[in-house]
Amino acid sequence: MLLQRIGNRGIRLGTLFDRAAAKYPTNVLLLDHDLDIAPERGRSLTMTDVADLVSDLGSRLWRAGLRPGDHLVVHKSNAFDITLLAVAAARIGAVPVLLSPHLDGETVVALLRRVERPYLLTDAAKLSTSLPDAVFALSHRVLLASGTHARATSLAELAGAPRIPALELPPDHRTLVTHTSGTTGLPKLAVHTAFSLQARYRPQALATALMRRREPVAIHVSFVHSRLFTALAISLLRGFPVAILADSEPARVAELFARLRPAVLEAHPNTYLRWEELAADDLGPLSNVKLFSSTFDALHPRTVRTLIGASRRRSPRFGQIYGQSEVGPSVARAYGKHRSPDADGRCVGIAFPGMTGVRVVSRDGKRPTPASPGYIEISSDGRIRTYLGEDERFSRQADERWWRMGDLGYRTRWGCLHLMDREVDEIPGFGSTLSVEDRLFSRIADLAEVVIIPTEDGAPLPVVCTKDDRPLDLAAWRAATADLPEMAAPVQWRQADLPQTATTKIKRLELAGLIRTAEAADRVGDPV
């Protein structure tokens, strides 16, 4: 933790683009979509352009009534202006609370209640489709990024507001609130300070030490995730041109990357899984990538091997970081082209020396092993300060400097942390579901997703998706599972129908509930 604390003045989120513009005024930010708040700005902006836009937005928010310490909930249609609005709010001392565009209206209402009458920034499309009228009673004022509504104020109406200078705030002030993935229920609101975000920045910044030239960086990360803010700070303050993607569709990505030739990629694990097909694309969209980076979950070995193999750089690396919304990046491991096809994908690496710590707490009084994994706990100065509106819940999970991740694992004699399962997903007597899923991916090339879930009175059930939703090759499945723990016959789903979080994680508990509901309906319909 010492290296996270020395000289930590806070991330200074509100002046991120001002500082980037001061150092590299002509550096470029590229988008694959138009900004809802300023479509006239186009899709290629210099740092000077972005800094001016953020200053303008902050001044409009001030004119709307926001003051230091006020909460601004941002829940709008998916676009990078979510991030720009957060920085603009932080610039005037307000606290942005970012809610994924993919959350349903009922969940948004529940989270608004936790914030206690914040300002709400949304758009006419959300108000006319997913958001109920209850949001008006729960909000101090409703603002619109685009469109019009009789009960809301459009940011366009506030144009021309006098410019408000950026406020200097102490490192321990609340600077950002994001929500957790919600894989196990209603998301929690994680409170970050400027200090904690800067502490997260430092281990992540180590990766850019590999980059000696200012080459393009491409990022496809949820606009409401804390990782995006540290990734931007790392790239823009060092002068790297950055492309921000809202669309992960492989065909569009291939065309963009063929023109941009990114040297660094940052994306969610399931996005990389989808981008495997880019490796065979004639345009060579991955040929110039020197560093693939992911800071969410362990990736399947097949995905790592496929993507690295598509690079023509001399020594491309895949940097895999294990972490969580509550603590940030905690454990890391790098892979190169010579990774064995049989490499254990559950080995997620070691802690960052001088910055993070990891321990595994026994559940049975004995040393945790693959057969009896323990509770994974992390220590880091990047840990959030609380859950907004749920202080007691936060305190129950925090043990002084240690944070329980909700995952099970063990450490090898060399210190490598192995991630076995989420606590809530463990299937007694089965072993690691994640490890079995890794092996299935490596053995069946046509798999696009596989999730093993428990059943109430039988063998675990594999839910599978295939590329382009082709029928599963049952002979290949039988061959691939011959030496694996017993499972029920696979059930095939369309990948688009799987319940996912904002960071594209599969909501396993929700999926299990959907399958139980479908099975119950089938039983009701069976003839007597």
Protein backbone atom coordinates (compact mmCIF):
# COMPACT_ATOMS: atom_id res chain seq x y z
CA MET A 1 0.00 0.00 0.00
CA LEU A 2 2.97 2.34 0.58
CA LEU A 3 3.46 2.95 -3.14
CA GLN A 4 -0.23 3.83 -3.44
CA ARG A 5 0.08 6.49 -0.76
CA ILE A 6 3.31 8.36 -1.48
CA GLY A 7 2.45 11.72 -3.05
CA ASN A 8 -1.17 10.73 -3.59
CA ARG A 9 -2.97 14.05 -4.16
CA GLY A 10 -6.03 12.37 -5.59
CA ILE A 11 -6.93 11.68 -9.20
CA ARG A 12 -8.31 15.23 -9.73
CA LEU A 13 -11.00 13.86 -11.98
CA GLY A 14 -12.59 17.22 -12.72
CA THR A 15 -9.44 18.58 -14.38
CA LEU A 16 -8.40 15.41 -16.21
CA PHE A 17 -9.00 16.83 -19.68
CA ASP A 18 -7.66 20.28 -18.76
CA ARG A 19 -4.34 18.72 -17.74
CA ALA A 20 -4.26 16.48 -20.82
CA ALA A 21 -4.93 19.53 -23.03
CA ALA A 22 -2.18 21.51 -21.32
CA LYS A 23 0.39 18.81 -22.09
CA TYR A 24 -0.86 17.48 -25.44
CA PRO A 25 -3.38 19.98 -26.87
CA THR A 26 -3.57 18.37 -30.33
CA ASN A 27 -3.77 14.78 -29.12
CA VAL A 28 -6.91 13.13 -30.48
CA LEU A 29 -9.88 11.36 -28.91
CA LEU A 30 -11.76 9.26 -31.47
CA LEU A 31 -15.32 7.94 -31.08
CA ASP A 32 -17.30 5.33 -32.98
CA HIS A 33 -20.54 7.17 -32.22
CA ASP A 34 -21.97 10.69 -31.85
CA LEU A 35 -22.30 12.38 -28.47
CA ASP A 36 -25.94 12.87 -27.49
CA ILE A 37 -25.08 16.12 -25.68
CA ALA A 38 -23.09 17.56 -28.58
CA PRO A 39 -23.52 15.67 -31.88
CA GLU A 40 -22.19 18.70 -33.73
CA ARG A 41 -18.75 18.11 -32.21
CA GLY A 42 -18.24 15.07 -34.42
CA ARG A 43 -16.29 11.91 -33.71
CA SER A 44 -12.74 13.26 -33.64
CA LEU A 45 -11.88 15.75 -30.90
CA THR A 46 -8.60 17.22 -29.77
CA MET A 47 -7.83 17.41 -26.06
CA THR A 48 -8.49 21.15 -26.30
CA ASP A 49 -11.95 20.41 -27.74
CA VAL A 50 -12.78 17.91 -25.01
CA ALA A 51 -11.56 20.18 -22.21
CA ASP A 52 -13.72 23.01 -23.59
CA LEU A 53 -16.78 20.76 -23.82
CA VAL A 54 -16.35 19.52 -20.23
CA SER A 55 -15.95 23.10 -18.98
CA ASP A 56 -19.13 24.08 -20.84
CA LEU A 57 -21.08 21.14 -19.41
CA GLY A 58 -19.88 21.87 -15.88
CA SER A 59 -21.04 25.45 -16.22
CA ARG A 60 -24.48 24.32 -17.43
CA LEU A 61 -24.78 21.97 -14.46
CA TRP A 62 -23.89 24.87 -12.13
CA ARG A 63 -26.58 27.01 -13.76
CA ALA A 64 -29.02 24.13 -13.20
CA GLY A 65 -28.35 24.45 -9.47
CA LEU A 66 -25.72 21.82 -8.72
CA ARG A 67 -23.23 22.77 -6.02
CA PRO A 68 -20.27 21.06 -4.32
CA GLY A 69 -21.38 17.91 -2.53
CA ASP A 70 -24.64 17.53 -4.49
CA HIS A 71 -25.24 14.16 -6.15
CA LEU A 72 -25.89 13.95 -9.89
CA VAL A 73 -27.28 10.59 -11.00
CA VAL A 74 -26.47 9.98 -14.66
CA HIS A 75 -28.67 7.38 -16.35
CA LYS A 76 -28.99 7.95 -20.07
CA SER A 77 -28.68 6.20 -23.40
CA ASN A 78 -25.30 4.59 -23.98
CA ALA A 79 -22.62 7.03 -25.16
CA PHE A 80 -19.27 8.44 -24.03
CA ASP A 81 -20.98 11.61 -22.87
CA ILE A 82 -21.86 9.64 -19.70
CA THR A 83 -18.17 9.82 -18.86
CA LEU A 84 -17.84 13.48 -19.92
CA LEU A 85 -20.83 14.45 -17.77
CA ALA A 86 -19.26 12.70 -14.78
CA VAL A 87 -16.03 14.65 -15.23
CA ALA A 88 -18.02 17.89 -15.69
CA ALA A 89 -19.90 17.27 -12.42
CA ALA A 90 -16.65 16.51 -10.58
CA ARG A 91 -15.18 19.71 -12.02
CA ILE A 92 -17.67 21.81 -10.02
CA GLY A 93 -17.43 19.66 -6.89
CA ALA A 94 -20.64 17.66 -7.41
CA VAL A 95 -20.59 13.88 -6.99
CA PRO A 96 -21.54 11.91 -10.14
CA VAL A 97 -23.49 8.69 -9.54
CA LEU A 98 -23.31 6.57 -12.69
CA LEU A 99 -26.04 4.04 -13.48
CA SER A 100 -25.72 1.74 -16.46
CA PRO A 101 -27.99 2.46 -19.45
CA HIS A 102 -28.89 -1.24 -19.33
CA LEU A 103 -30.53 -1.10 -15.89
CA ASP A 104 -34.30 -1.46 -15.88
CA GLY A 105 -36.54 1.30 -14.53
CA GLU A 106 -37.39 -0.56 -11.33
CA THR A 107 -33.71 -0.93 -10.43
CA VAL A 108 -33.03 2.74 -11.20
CA VAL A 109 -35.87 3.77 -8.88
CA ALA A 110 -34.47 1.58 -6.08
CA LEU A 111 -31.01 3.11 -6.46
CA LEU A 112 -32.39 6.66 -6.62
CA ARG A 113 -33.95 6.08 -3.20
CA ARG A 114 -30.51 5.30 -1.79
CA VAL A 115 -29.12 8.61 -3.02
CA GLU A 116 -31.90 10.70 -1.42
CA ARG A 117 -33.29 13.26 -3.89
CA PRO A 118 -30.34 13.81 -6.20
CA TYR A 119 -30.34 15.65 -9.50
CA LEU A 120 -31.11 13.15 -12.27
CA LEU A 121 -29.56 13.53 -15.71
CA THR A 122 -31.24 11.32 -18.29
CA ASP A 123 -32.78 11.80 -21.74
CA ALA A 124 -36.18 11.88 -23.36
CA ALA A 125 -35.73 8.38 -24.75
CA LYS A 126 -35.31 6.90 -21.25
CA LEU A 127 -38.26 8.86 -19.86
CA SER A 128 -40.53 7.67 -22.64
CA THR A 129 -39.53 4.01 -22.45
CA SER A 130 -37.95 2.52 -19.31
CA LEU A 131 -38.13 5.14 -16.55
CA PRO A 132 -41.38 5.39 -14.52
CA ASP A 133 -42.88 8.68 -13.34
CA ALA A 134 -41.60 7.92 -9.84
CA VAL A 135 -38.19 9.30 -10.81
CA PHE A 136 -39.56 12.85 -10.71
CA ALA A 137 -40.68 12.57 -7.08
CA LEU A 138 -37.35 10.96 -6.12
CA SER A 139 -35.24 13.65 -7.83
CA HIS A 140 -34.54 17.24 -6.84
CA ARG A 141 -34.55 18.13 -10.54
CA VAL A 142 -34.52 16.16 -13.79
CA LEU A 143 -32.14 17.25 -16.55
CA LEU A 144 -31.99 16.01 -20.13
CA ALA A 145 -28.91 15.27 -22.22
CA SER A 146 -31.07 15.12 -25.33
CA GLY A 147 -34.70 15.52 -26.33
CA THR A 148 -37.43 17.38 -24.46
CA HIS A 149 -39.94 16.61 -21.73
CA ALA A 150 -42.53 18.81 -20.05
CA ARG A 151 -41.27 17.98 -16.54
CA ALA A 152 -37.53 18.18 -17.25
CA THR A 153 -34.92 20.79 -18.19
CA SER A 154 -32.78 20.22 -21.25
CA LEU A 155 -29.06 20.95 -21.01
CA ALA A 156 -29.50 22.71 -24.36
CA GLU A 157 -31.65 25.32 -22.57
CA LEU A 158 -28.70 26.09 -20.29
CA ALA A 159 -26.24 26.83 -23.12
CA GLY A 160 -24.21 29.99 -22.77
CA ALA A 161 -23.86 29.71 -18.99
CA PRO A 162 -20.93 31.70 -17.58
CA ARG A 163 -17.87 29.46 -17.27
CA ILE A 164 -17.17 28.21 -13.77
CA PRO A 165 -13.51 27.55 -12.90
CA ALA A 166 -12.59 24.05 -11.76
CA LEU A 167 -12.70 23.62 -7.99
CA GLU A 168 -9.73 22.32 -5.99
CA LEU A 169 -10.91 19.68 -3.53
CA PRO A 170 -9.01 17.54 -0.99
CA PRO A 171 -8.00 13.94 -1.86
CA ASP A 172 -10.47 12.43 0.61
CA HIS A 173 -13.57 14.03 -0.92
CA ARG A 174 -16.15 11.82 -2.60
CA THR A 175 -15.47 12.14 -6.28
CA LEU A 176 -17.40 9.32 -7.99
CA VAL A 177 -20.08 6.71 -7.27
CA THR A 178 -20.39 3.65 -9.49
CA HIS A 179 -22.49 0.54 -9.04
CA THR A 180 -21.42 -3.07 -8.63
CA SER A 181 -22.19 -5.67 -11.27
CA GLY A 182 -25.40 -6.88 -9.68
CA THR A 183 -24.67 -10.53 -10.49
CA THR A 184 -26.13 -11.56 -7.13
CA GLY A 185 -29.04 -9.13 -6.85
CA LEU A 186 -29.66 -5.39 -6.74
CA PRO A 187 -26.43 -3.48 -7.46
CA LYS A 188 -24.67 -1.67 -4.63
CA LEU A 189 -23.46 1.93 -4.97
CA ALA A 190 -19.69 2.08 -4.48
CA VAL A 191 -18.28 5.39 -3.20
CA HIS A 192 -14.83 6.35 -4.52
CA THR A 193 -12.66 9.20 -3.32
CA ALA A 194 -10.04 11.05 -5.33
CA PHE A 195 -7.41 9.29 -3.18
CA SER A 196 -8.81 5.78 -3.75
CA LEU A 197 -9.06 6.28 -7.52
CA GLN A 198 -5.47 7.52 -7.71
CA ALA A 199 -4.40 4.47 -5.67
CA ARG A 200 -6.05 2.31 -8.35
CA TYR A 201 -4.34 4.26 -11.10
CA ARG A 202 -0.85 3.34 -9.96
CA PRO A 203 -0.80 -0.44 -10.45
CA GLN A 204 -2.64 -0.08 -13.75
CA ALA A 205 -0.12 2.50 -14.97
CA LEU A 206 2.66 -0.10 -14.74
CA ALA A 207 1.35 -1.67 -17.96
CA THR A 208 2.10 1.43 -20.03
CA ALA A 209 5.76 1.13 -19.09
CA LEU A 210 5.90 -1.36 -21.97
CA MET A 211 4.96 1.42 -24.39
CA ARG A 212 7.91 3.56 -25.41
CA ARG A 213 6.10 5.31 -28.25
CA ARG A 214 2.78 7.14 -28.10
CA GLU A 215 0.74 4.67 -30.14
CA PRO A 216 -3.07 4.44 -30.36
CA VAL A 217 -5.08 2.95 -27.50
CA ALA A 218 -8.56 1.48 -28.08
CA ILE A 219 -10.96 1.08 -25.17
CA HIS A 220 -14.28 -0.73 -25.00
CA VAL A 221 -15.29 -0.55 -21.34
CA SER A 222 -18.64 0.27 -19.74
CA PHE A 223 -19.01 4.06 -19.54
CA VAL A 224 -20.21 3.76 -15.94
CA HIS A 225 -17.27 1.67 -14.67
CA SER A 226 -14.47 3.17 -12.56
CA ARG A 227 -11.90 1.39 -14.74
CA LEU A 228 -12.65 3.71 -17.66
CA PHE A 229 -11.60 6.80 -15.68
CA THR A 230 -8.23 5.39 -14.67
CA ALA A 231 -7.65 4.02 -18.19
CA LEU A 232 -8.30 7.49 -19.64
CA ALA A 233 -5.99 9.14 -17.12
CA ILE A 234 -3.19 6.68 -17.87
CA SER A 235 -3.50 7.16 -21.64
CA LEU A 236 -4.33 10.85 -22.06
CA LEU A 237 -1.87 12.24 -19.52
CA ARG A 238 0.89 10.45 -21.44
CA GLY A 239 -0.24 11.65 -24.83
CA PHE A 240 -1.57 8.41 -26.30
CA PRO A 241 -4.27 8.86 -28.97
CA VAL A 242 -7.40 7.13 -27.65
CA ALA A 243 -10.35 5.54 -29.44
CA ILE A 244 -13.50 4.97 -27.37
CA LEU A 245 -15.88 2.29 -28.60
CA ALA A 246 -19.56 1.96 -27.75
CA ASP A 247 -20.09 -0.83 -30.29
CA SER A 248 -18.28 -4.17 -29.95
CA GLU A 249 -19.74 -5.71 -33.13
CA PRO A 250 -16.74 -7.55 -34.67
CA ALA A 251 -17.38 -6.40 -38.25
CA ARG A 252 -17.41 -2.71 -37.26
CA VAL A 253 -14.47 -3.15 -34.91
CA ALA A 254 -12.41 -4.83 -37.62
CA GLU A 255 -12.84 -1.87 -39.97
CA LEU A 256 -11.99 0.65 -37.24
CA PHE A 257 -8.93 -1.23 -36.01
CA ALA A 258 -7.66 -1.77 -39.56
CA ARG A 259 -7.54 2.03 -39.94
CA LEU A 260 -6.44 2.90 -36.40
CA ARG A 261 -3.96 0.05 -35.88
CA PRO A 262 -4.18 0.18 -32.08
CA ALA A 263 -1.14 -0.89 -30.06
CA VAL A 264 -3.11 -1.27 -26.79
CA LEU A 265 -6.56 -2.75 -26.28
CA GLU A 266 -8.67 -2.56 -23.11
CA ALA A 267 -11.95 -4.49 -22.98
CA HIS A 268 -14.17 -6.77 -20.92
CA PRO A 269 -13.43 -10.53 -20.94
CA ASN A 270 -16.65 -11.35 -22.80
CA THR A 271 -15.82 -8.68 -25.38
CA TYR A 272 -12.48 -10.34 -26.02
CA LEU A 273 -14.27 -13.66 -26.34
CA ARG A 274 -16.44 -12.10 -29.03
CA TRP A 275 -13.38 -10.61 -30.73
CA GLU A 276 -11.74 -13.98 -31.25
CA GLU A 277 -13.05 -13.89 -34.82
CA LEU A 278 -10.95 -10.76 -35.47
CA ALA A 279 -7.87 -12.99 -35.35
CA ALA A 280 -8.84 -14.54 -38.70
CA ASP A 281 -10.01 -11.31 -40.35
CA ASP A 282 -8.21 -10.49 -43.62
CA LEU A 283 -7.91 -6.83 -42.57
CA GLY A 284 -5.51 -7.79 -39.77
CA PRO A 285 -7.24 -5.61 -37.14
CA LEU A 286 -5.15 -7.06 -34.29
CA SER A 287 -1.81 -7.20 -36.11
CA ASN A 288 -0.30 -4.14 -34.38
CA VAL A 289 -1.45 -4.86 -30.82
CA LYS A 290 1.41 -4.96 -28.35
CA LEU A 291 -0.66 -5.13 -25.17
CA PHE A 292 -4.10 -6.63 -24.55
CA SER A 293 -5.44 -5.59 -21.16
CA SER A 294 -8.40 -6.71 -19.07
CA THR A 295 -9.07 -5.79 -15.45
CA PHE A 296 -12.24 -7.66 -14.64
CA ASP A 297 -12.20 -11.47 -14.56
CA ALA A 298 -9.90 -14.27 -15.64
CA LEU A 299 -10.09 -14.93 -19.37
CA HIS A 300 -10.43 -18.34 -20.97
CA PRO A 301 -7.02 -19.62 -22.17
CA ARG A 302 -8.44 -20.15 -25.66
CA THR A 303 -9.29 -16.46 -25.93
CA VAL A 304 -5.86 -15.30 -24.73
CA ARG A 305 -4.06 -17.69 -27.08
CA THR A 306 -6.19 -16.73 -30.10
CA LEU A 307 -5.83 -12.97 -29.69
CA ILE A 308 -2.11 -12.95 -28.96
CA GLY A 309 -1.58 -15.20 -31.96
CA ALA A 310 -3.16 -12.55 -34.21
CA SER A 311 -0.56 -9.91 -33.32
CA ARG A 312 2.50 -9.46 -35.51
CA ARG A 313 4.42 -7.51 -32.90
CA ARG A 314 7.66 -9.08 -31.69
CA SER A 315 6.56 -9.77 -28.12
CA PRO A 316 2.84 -9.07 -27.61
CA ARG A 317 1.51 -9.52 -24.09
CA PHE A 318 -1.85 -10.16 -22.55
CA GLY A 319 -2.10 -8.41 -19.19
CA GLN A 320 -4.78 -10.02 -17.05
CA ILE A 321 -5.73 -8.25 -13.83
CA TYR A 322 -8.03 -9.70 -11.20
CA GLY A 323 -9.99 -7.17 -9.18
CA GLN A 324 -13.42 -5.95 -8.19
CA SER A 325 -15.43 -2.73 -8.23
CA GLU A 326 -14.88 -2.37 -4.49
CA VAL A 327 -11.06 -2.66 -4.47
CA GLY A 328 -9.84 -2.07 -7.99
CA PRO A 329 -6.94 -3.98 -9.62
CA SER A 330 -5.44 -6.39 -7.09
CA VAL A 331 -3.64 -9.33 -8.71
CA ALA A 332 -1.98 -9.55 -12.13
CA ARG A 333 -0.41 -11.95 -14.56
CA ALA A 334 0.99 -11.47 -18.07
CA TYR A 335 0.94 -13.99 -20.92
CA GLY A 336 2.94 -14.16 -24.14
CA LYS A 337 2.74 -16.07 -27.40
CA HIS A 338 4.30 -19.18 -25.94
CA ARG A 339 1.58 -19.86 -23.39
CA SER A 340 0.80 -23.56 -23.37
CA PRO A 341 -2.63 -24.62 -24.69
CA ASP A 342 -2.99 -26.55 -21.44
CA ALA A 343 -2.12 -23.58 -19.19
CA ASP A 344 -4.33 -23.21 -16.13
CA GLY A 345 -6.66 -20.29 -16.78
CA ARG A 346 -7.56 -20.12 -13.10
CA CYS A 347 -4.09 -18.87 -12.13
CA VAL A 348 -4.72 -15.12 -12.03
CA GLY A 349 -1.29 -14.07 -10.75
CA ILE A 350 0.27 -12.29 -7.80
CA ALA A 351 -0.40 -9.04 -5.95
CA PHE A 352 1.30 -5.77 -6.97
CA PRO A 353 4.41 -5.44 -4.74
CA GLY A 354 4.16 -2.48 -2.40
CA MET A 355 0.61 -1.70 -3.53
CA THR A 356 -1.83 -4.56 -2.96
CA GLY A 357 -1.97 -7.65 -0.80
CA VAL A 358 -3.80 -10.98 -1.09
CA ARG A 359 -4.58 -13.78 1.34
CA VAL A 360 -6.82 -16.85 1.28
CA VAL A 361 -8.70 -17.62 4.48
CA SER A 362 -9.38 -21.27 5.28
CA ARG A 363 -12.94 -22.54 5.60
CA ASP A 364 -12.07 -25.76 7.42
CA GLY A 365 -9.04 -24.85 9.53
CA LYS A 366 -6.64 -26.36 6.98
CA ARG A 367 -4.56 -24.80 4.24
CA PRO A 368 -6.80 -23.98 1.23
CA THR A 369 -6.30 -26.37 -1.69
CA PRO A 370 -7.94 -27.02 -5.06
CA ALA A 371 -10.21 -29.56 -3.36
CA SER A 372 -11.05 -27.22 -0.48
CA PRO A 373 -10.58 -23.58 -1.57
CA GLY A 374 -10.76 -20.70 0.89
CA TYR A 375 -12.10 -17.15 0.90
CA ILE A 376 -10.05 -14.70 -1.19
CA GLU A 377 -9.35 -11.39 0.56
CA ILE A 378 -7.57 -8.30 -0.78
CA SER A 379 -5.96 -5.27 0.84
CA SER A 380 -5.57 -2.07 -1.19
CA ASP A 381 -5.77 1.69 -0.74
CA GLY A 382 -7.97 1.62 -3.83
CA ARG A 383 -10.80 0.20 -1.76
CA ILE A 384 -14.04 2.16 -1.82
CA ARG A 385 -15.06 4.05 1.30
CA THR A 386 -18.60 2.68 1.68
CA TYR A 387 -21.77 1.66 -0.11
CA LEU A 388 -23.94 4.73 -0.54
CA GLY A 389 -27.00 4.33 1.67
CA GLU A 390 -25.74 0.97 3.01
CA ASP A 391 -22.92 1.72 5.47
CA GLU A 392 -23.72 -1.29 7.66
CA ARG A 393 -23.60 -3.67 4.71
CA PHE A 394 -20.18 -2.34 3.77
CA SER A 395 -18.87 -2.70 7.32
CA ARG A 396 -19.93 -6.35 7.45
CA GLN A 397 -17.73 -7.18 4.46
CA ALA A 398 -14.73 -5.03 5.38
CA ASP A 399 -12.27 -6.38 7.98
CA GLU A 400 -9.97 -3.45 8.78
CA ARG A 401 -7.51 -3.51 5.84
CA TRP A 402 -8.88 -6.73 4.27
CA TRP A 403 -11.80 -7.01 1.87
CA ARG A 404 -13.56 -10.32 1.18
CA MET A 405 -14.05 -10.67 -2.58
CA GLY A 406 -16.86 -13.21 -2.50
CA ASP A 407 -14.63 -15.62 -4.46
CA LEU A 408 -13.06 -18.97 -3.56
CA GLY A 409 -9.50 -19.96 -4.35
CA TYR A 410 -6.10 -21.02 -3.11
CA ARG A 411 -2.45 -20.01 -3.49
CA THR A 412 0.34 -22.19 -4.81
CA ARG A 413 3.66 -22.57 -3.00
CA TRP A 414 5.01 -19.88 -5.38
CA GLY A 415 2.30 -17.41 -4.34
CA CYS A 416 0.12 -17.53 -7.47
CA LEU A 417 -3.55 -16.98 -6.68
CA HIS A 418 -5.94 -19.47 -8.25
CA LEU A 419 -9.55 -18.36 -8.65
CA MET A 420 -11.93 -21.32 -8.44
CA ASP A 421 -15.51 -20.01 -8.16
CA ARG A 422 -17.76 -17.32 -6.77
CA GLU A 423 -18.94 -18.34 -3.30
CA VAL A 424 -22.58 -18.24 -4.41
CA ASP A 425 -21.83 -20.34 -7.52
CA GLU A 426 -19.98 -23.19 -5.81
CA ILE A 427 -21.40 -26.64 -6.54
CA PRO A 428 -20.40 -29.04 -3.72
CA GLY A 429 -18.54 -32.09 -4.97
CA PHE A 430 -18.19 -30.79 -8.53
CA GLY A 431 -14.90 -28.94 -8.33
CA SER A 432 -14.31 -25.59 -10.03
CA THR A 433 -17.07 -24.75 -12.51
CA LEU A 434 -14.85 -22.04 -14.00
CA SER A 435 -12.04 -24.54 -14.62
CA VAL A 436 -14.43 -26.95 -16.33
CA GLU A 437 -15.76 -24.10 -18.48
CA ASP A 438 -12.18 -23.21 -19.48
CA ARG A 439 -11.56 -26.77 -20.63
CA LEU A 440 -14.78 -26.86 -22.63
CA PHE A 441 -13.82 -23.65 -24.42
CA SER A 442 -10.41 -25.07 -25.27
CA ARG A 443 -11.90 -28.31 -26.61
CA ILE A 444 -14.90 -27.02 -28.58
CA ALA A 445 -13.97 -24.23 -30.97
CA ASP A 446 -17.60 -23.41 -31.78
CA LEU A 447 -18.50 -22.44 -28.20
CA ALA A 448 -19.32 -18.77 -27.70
CA GLU A 449 -20.39 -19.13 -24.05
CA VAL A 450 -20.87 -21.88 -21.51
CA VAL A 451 -22.22 -21.48 -17.98
CA ILE A 452 -22.55 -24.39 -15.56
CA ILE A 453 -25.30 -23.91 -13.01
CA PRO A 454 -26.56 -26.11 -10.16
CA THR A 455 -29.87 -27.92 -10.28
CA GLU A 456 -32.14 -28.74 -7.36
CA ASP A 457 -32.14 -32.51 -7.71
CA GLY A 458 -29.62 -33.61 -10.31
CA ALA A 459 -26.27 -33.10 -12.00
CA PRO A 460 -25.11 -29.54 -12.77
CA LEU A 461 -26.59 -28.13 -15.97
CA PRO A 462 -24.37 -26.66 -18.71
CA VAL A 463 -26.01 -23.80 -20.61
CA VAL A 464 -24.20 -23.34 -23.92
CA CYS A 465 -24.17 -20.80 -26.73
CA THR A 466 -22.46 -21.33 -30.07
CA LYS A 467 -21.02 -18.95 -32.62
CA ASP A 468 -23.77 -17.59 -34.86
CA ASP A 469 -26.21 -19.74 -32.81
CA ARG A 470 -25.37 -22.84 -34.82
CA PRO A 471 -26.67 -26.16 -33.44
CA LEU A 472 -24.31 -27.68 -30.89
CA ASP A 473 -22.27 -30.62 -32.18
CA LEU A 474 -23.36 -33.25 -29.66
CA ALA A 475 -20.66 -35.73 -30.69
CA ALA A 476 -18.00 -33.08 -30.06
CA TRP A 477 -19.67 -32.31 -26.74
CA ARG A 478 -19.59 -35.94 -25.62
CA ALA A 479 -15.93 -36.24 -26.54
CA ALA A 480 -15.04 -33.00 -24.75
CA THR A 481 -16.82 -33.96 -21.53
CA ALA A 482 -15.75 -37.60 -21.30
CA ASP A 483 -13.16 -36.96 -18.57
CA LEU A 484 -14.97 -34.09 -16.84
CA PRO A 485 -17.24 -34.25 -13.78
CA GLU A 486 -20.73 -35.54 -14.46
CA MET A 487 -23.13 -32.98 -15.93
CA ALA A 488 -26.65 -33.04 -17.26
CA ALA A 489 -27.29 -32.88 -21.00
CA PRO A 490 -26.47 -29.37 -22.29
CA VAL A 491 -29.18 -26.81 -22.89
CA GLN A 492 -28.54 -24.44 -25.80
CA TRP A 493 -29.50 -20.76 -25.59
CA ARG A 494 -29.08 -17.80 -27.87
CA GLN A 495 -26.25 -15.70 -26.46
CA ALA A 496 -28.37 -12.56 -26.79
CA ASP A 497 -30.90 -14.05 -24.37
CA LEU A 498 -28.45 -14.57 -21.49
CA PRO A 499 -28.93 -12.06 -18.63
CA GLN A 500 -25.83 -9.85 -18.44
CA THR A 501 -24.42 -7.07 -16.30
CA ALA A 502 -23.13 -3.70 -17.54
CA THR A 503 -19.68 -5.30 -17.91
CA THR A 504 -21.12 -8.29 -19.86
CA LYS A 505 -20.79 -10.79 -17.01
CA ILE A 506 -23.42 -13.50 -17.07
CA LYS A 507 -25.87 -13.25 -14.17
CA ARG A 508 -25.64 -16.89 -13.16
CA LEU A 509 -28.22 -16.78 -10.39
CA GLU A 510 -30.73 -15.02 -12.63
CA LEU A 511 -30.03 -17.49 -15.44
CA ALA A 512 -30.63 -20.40 -13.05
CA GLY A 513 -33.92 -18.82 -12.00
CA LEU A 514 -35.01 -18.39 -15.63
CA ILE A 515 -34.27 -22.03 -16.37
CA ARG A 516 -36.16 -23.23 -13.29
CA THR A 517 -39.14 -21.09 -14.32
CA ALA A 518 -39.05 -22.49 -17.86
CA GLU A 519 -38.81 -26.06 -16.56
CA ALA A 520 -41.74 -25.49 -14.20
CA ALA A 521 -43.82 -24.13 -17.08
CA ASP A 522 -42.97 -27.19 -19.16
CA ARG A 523 -44.06 -29.51 -16.34
CA VAL A 524 -47.36 -27.67 -16.03
CA GLY A 525 -47.92 -28.14 -19.74
CA ASP A 526 -47.12 -31.87 -19.73
CA PRO A 527 -50.09 -34.17 -20.42
CA VAL A 528 -51.34 -36.20 -17.47
